[in-house]
Amino acid sequence: MVGWIAFKTEQVTITGDPVTYESSGHGRRQFCGRCGTGLFYSNTEFLPGIIDVQSCTLDEPEAVAPGAHIQVADRLSWMTDVAALPAFERYPGM
């Protein structure tokens, strides 16, 4: 599960040189070429002027709380109750 934040393209300044993967005719995914961390998604046909940023890559990801669930038509059925699962501070048994 990955959290995304949609920004207007002009609100985002990219430093460094992310690697781009053309995941579809219009979709572009960018990631760090050194460690492979996913960074951005853009699709100029369906989301013109928008860049999605993986929220965990922000310096302060806690500063931007989620505001909606999007693409739930494609959600796995068990995701509707995922918050009811047991939660562990660290990997169980360690």
C-alpha atoms as a PDB file:
ATOM      1  CA  MET A   1       0.000   0.000   0.000  1.00  0.00           C
ATOM      2  CA  VAL A   2       1.433   3.347  -1.024  1.00  0.00           C
ATOM      3  CA  GLY A   3       0.228   6.806  -0.081  1.00  0.00           C
ATOM      4  CA  TRP A   4       0.238   9.427  -2.838  1.00  0.00           C
ATOM      5  CA  ILE A   5      -0.199  13.201  -2.709  1.00  0.00           C
ATOM      6  CA  ALA A   6      -1.300  15.074  -5.828  1.00  0.00           C
ATOM      7  CA  PHE A   7       0.405  18.412  -6.412  1.00  0.00           C
ATOM      8  CA  LYS A   8       0.178  20.886  -9.248  1.00  0.00           C
ATOM      9  CA  THR A   9       3.263  20.334 -11.385  1.00  0.00           C
ATOM     10  CA  GLU A  10       4.535  23.863 -10.752  1.00  0.00           C
ATOM     11  CA  GLN A  11       4.454  23.209  -6.972  1.00  0.00           C
ATOM     12  CA  VAL A  12       7.093  20.471  -7.233  1.00  0.00           C
ATOM     13  CA  THR A  13      10.816  21.025  -7.568  1.00  0.00           C
ATOM     14  CA  ILE A  14      12.774  17.890  -8.388  1.00  0.00           C
ATOM     15  CA  THR A  15      16.397  17.772  -7.310  1.00  0.00           C
ATOM     16  CA  GLY A  16      18.689  15.063  -8.580  1.00  0.00           C
ATOM     17  CA  ASP A  17      18.058  12.899 -11.605  1.00  0.00           C
ATOM     18  CA  PRO A  18      15.237  10.400 -11.104  1.00  0.00           C
ATOM     19  CA  VAL A  19      14.961   7.528 -13.565  1.00  0.00           C
ATOM     20  CA  THR A  20      11.780   7.513 -15.659  1.00  0.00           C
ATOM     21  CA  TYR A  21       9.822   4.404 -16.604  1.00  0.00           C
ATOM     22  CA  GLU A  22       7.076   4.758 -19.225  1.00  0.00           C
ATOM     23  CA  SER A  23       4.493   2.502 -17.565  1.00  0.00           C
ATOM     24  CA  SER A  24       1.821   3.142 -20.204  1.00  0.00           C
ATOM     25  CA  GLY A  25       1.205   5.276 -23.270  1.00  0.00           C
ATOM     26  CA  HIS A  26       0.890   8.390 -21.120  1.00  0.00           C
ATOM     27  CA  GLY A  27       1.908   7.284 -17.606  1.00  0.00           C
ATOM     28  CA  ARG A  28       5.380   8.039 -16.312  1.00  0.00           C
ATOM     29  CA  ARG A  29       6.790   6.662 -13.080  1.00  0.00           C
ATOM     30  CA  GLN A  30       9.955   8.111 -11.652  1.00  0.00           C
ATOM     31  CA  PHE A  31      12.198   6.550  -9.062  1.00  0.00           C
ATOM     32  CA  CYS A  32      15.643   6.892  -7.517  1.00  0.00           C
ATOM     33  CA  GLY A  33      18.219   5.287  -9.792  1.00  0.00           C
ATOM     34  CA  ARG A  34      20.472   4.447  -6.841  1.00  0.00           C
ATOM     35  CA  CYS A  35      18.097   2.770  -4.371  1.00  0.00           C
ATOM     36  CA  GLY A  36      14.944   2.152  -6.445  1.00  0.00           C
ATOM     37  CA  THR A  37      12.576   4.130  -4.203  1.00  0.00           C
ATOM     38  CA  GLY A  38       9.431   5.159  -6.066  1.00  0.00           C
ATOM     39  CA  LEU A  39       9.037   8.940  -6.188  1.00  0.00           C
ATOM     40  CA  PHE A  40       6.535  10.311  -8.722  1.00  0.00           C
ATOM     41  CA  TYR A  41       3.739   9.413 -11.107  1.00  0.00           C
ATOM     42  CA  SER A  42       2.400  11.620 -13.883  1.00  0.00           C
ATOM     43  CA  ASN A  43      -0.064  11.121 -16.710  1.00  0.00           C
ATOM     44  CA  THR A  44      -0.524  14.152 -18.942  1.00  0.00           C
ATOM     45  CA  GLU A  45      -3.642  12.707 -20.614  1.00  0.00           C
ATOM     46  CA  PHE A  46      -5.700  11.858 -17.528  1.00  0.00           C
ATOM     47  CA  LEU A  47      -4.071  14.147 -14.940  1.00  0.00           C
ATOM     48  CA  PRO A  48      -2.827  17.204 -16.855  1.00  0.00           C
ATOM     49  CA  GLY A  49      -0.788  19.565 -14.704  1.00  0.00           C
ATOM     50  CA  ILE A  50      -0.662  17.084 -11.803  1.00  0.00           C
ATOM     51  CA  ILE A  51       2.222  15.094 -10.361  1.00  0.00           C
ATOM     52  CA  ASP A  52       1.617  12.429  -7.730  1.00  0.00           C
ATOM     53  CA  VAL A  53       4.321  12.197  -5.081  1.00  0.00           C
ATOM     54  CA  GLN A  54       4.758   9.153  -2.856  1.00  0.00           C
ATOM     55  CA  SER A  55       4.018  10.631   0.564  1.00  0.00           C
ATOM     56  CA  CYS A  56       6.661   8.571   2.382  1.00  0.00           C
ATOM     57  CA  THR A  57       9.395  10.392   0.416  1.00  0.00           C
ATOM     58  CA  LEU A  58       8.548  13.812   1.849  1.00  0.00           C
ATOM     59  CA  ASP A  59      10.849  15.302   4.492  1.00  0.00           C
ATOM     60  CA  GLU A  60       7.820  15.565   6.777  1.00  0.00           C
ATOM     61  CA  PRO A  61       5.204  13.038   5.622  1.00  0.00           C
ATOM     62  CA  GLU A  62       3.146  13.505   8.809  1.00  0.00           C
ATOM     63  CA  ALA A  63       2.510  17.123   7.772  1.00  0.00           C
ATOM     64  CA  VAL A  64       0.138  16.121   4.947  1.00  0.00           C
ATOM     65  CA  ALA A  65      -2.732  13.927   6.140  1.00  0.00           C
ATOM     66  CA  PRO A  66      -4.764  11.945   3.599  1.00  0.00           C
ATOM     67  CA  GLY A  67      -8.011  13.496   2.440  1.00  0.00           C
ATOM     68  CA  ALA A  68      -9.613  10.703   0.415  1.00  0.00           C
ATOM     69  CA  HIS A  69      -9.458   7.126  -0.841  1.00  0.00           C
ATOM     70  CA  ILE A  70      -9.058   7.150  -4.619  1.00  0.00           C
ATOM     71  CA  GLN A  71      -9.347   4.328  -7.165  1.00  0.00           C
ATOM     72  CA  VAL A  72     -11.419   2.200  -4.773  1.00  0.00           C
ATOM     73  CA  ALA A  73     -13.033   0.468  -7.753  1.00  0.00           C
ATOM     74  CA  ASP A  74      -9.748  -1.442  -8.022  1.00  0.00           C
ATOM     75  CA  ARG A  75      -9.335  -1.993  -4.268  1.00  0.00           C
ATOM     76  CA  LEU A  76      -8.857  -5.563  -3.089  1.00  0.00           C
ATOM     77  CA  SER A  77     -11.888  -6.728  -1.125  1.00  0.00           C
ATOM     78  CA  TRP A  78      -9.933  -7.273   2.096  1.00  0.00           C
ATOM     79  CA  MET A  79      -8.732  -3.646   2.136  1.00  0.00           C
ATOM     80  CA  THR A  80     -12.104  -2.414   3.421  1.00  0.00           C
ATOM     81  CA  ASP A  81     -11.318  -3.906   6.870  1.00  0.00           C
ATOM     82  CA  VAL A  82      -7.536  -3.526   6.927  1.00  0.00           C
ATOM     83  CA  ALA A  83      -7.640  -1.043   9.848  1.00  0.00           C
ATOM     84  CA  ALA A  84      -9.163  -3.786  12.047  1.00  0.00           C
ATOM     85  CA  LEU A  85      -6.071  -6.030  11.695  1.00  0.00           C
ATOM     86  CA  PRO A  86      -3.633  -6.369  14.619  1.00  0.00           C
ATOM     87  CA  ALA A  87      -0.918  -3.703  14.635  1.00  0.00           C
ATOM     88  CA  PHE A  88       2.699  -4.260  15.719  1.00  0.00           C
ATOM     89  CA  GLU A  89       5.277  -1.563  16.548  1.00  0.00           C
ATOM     90  CA  ARG A  90       7.977  -3.766  15.023  1.00  0.00           C
ATOM     91  CA  TYR A  91       8.119  -7.071  13.175  1.00  0.00           C
ATOM     92  CA  PRO A  92       6.360  -9.689  15.369  1.00  0.00           C
ATOM     93  CA  GLY A  93       8.686 -12.012  17.266  1.00  0.00           C
ATOM     94  CA  MET A  94      11.722  -9.748  17.149  1.00  0.00           C
END
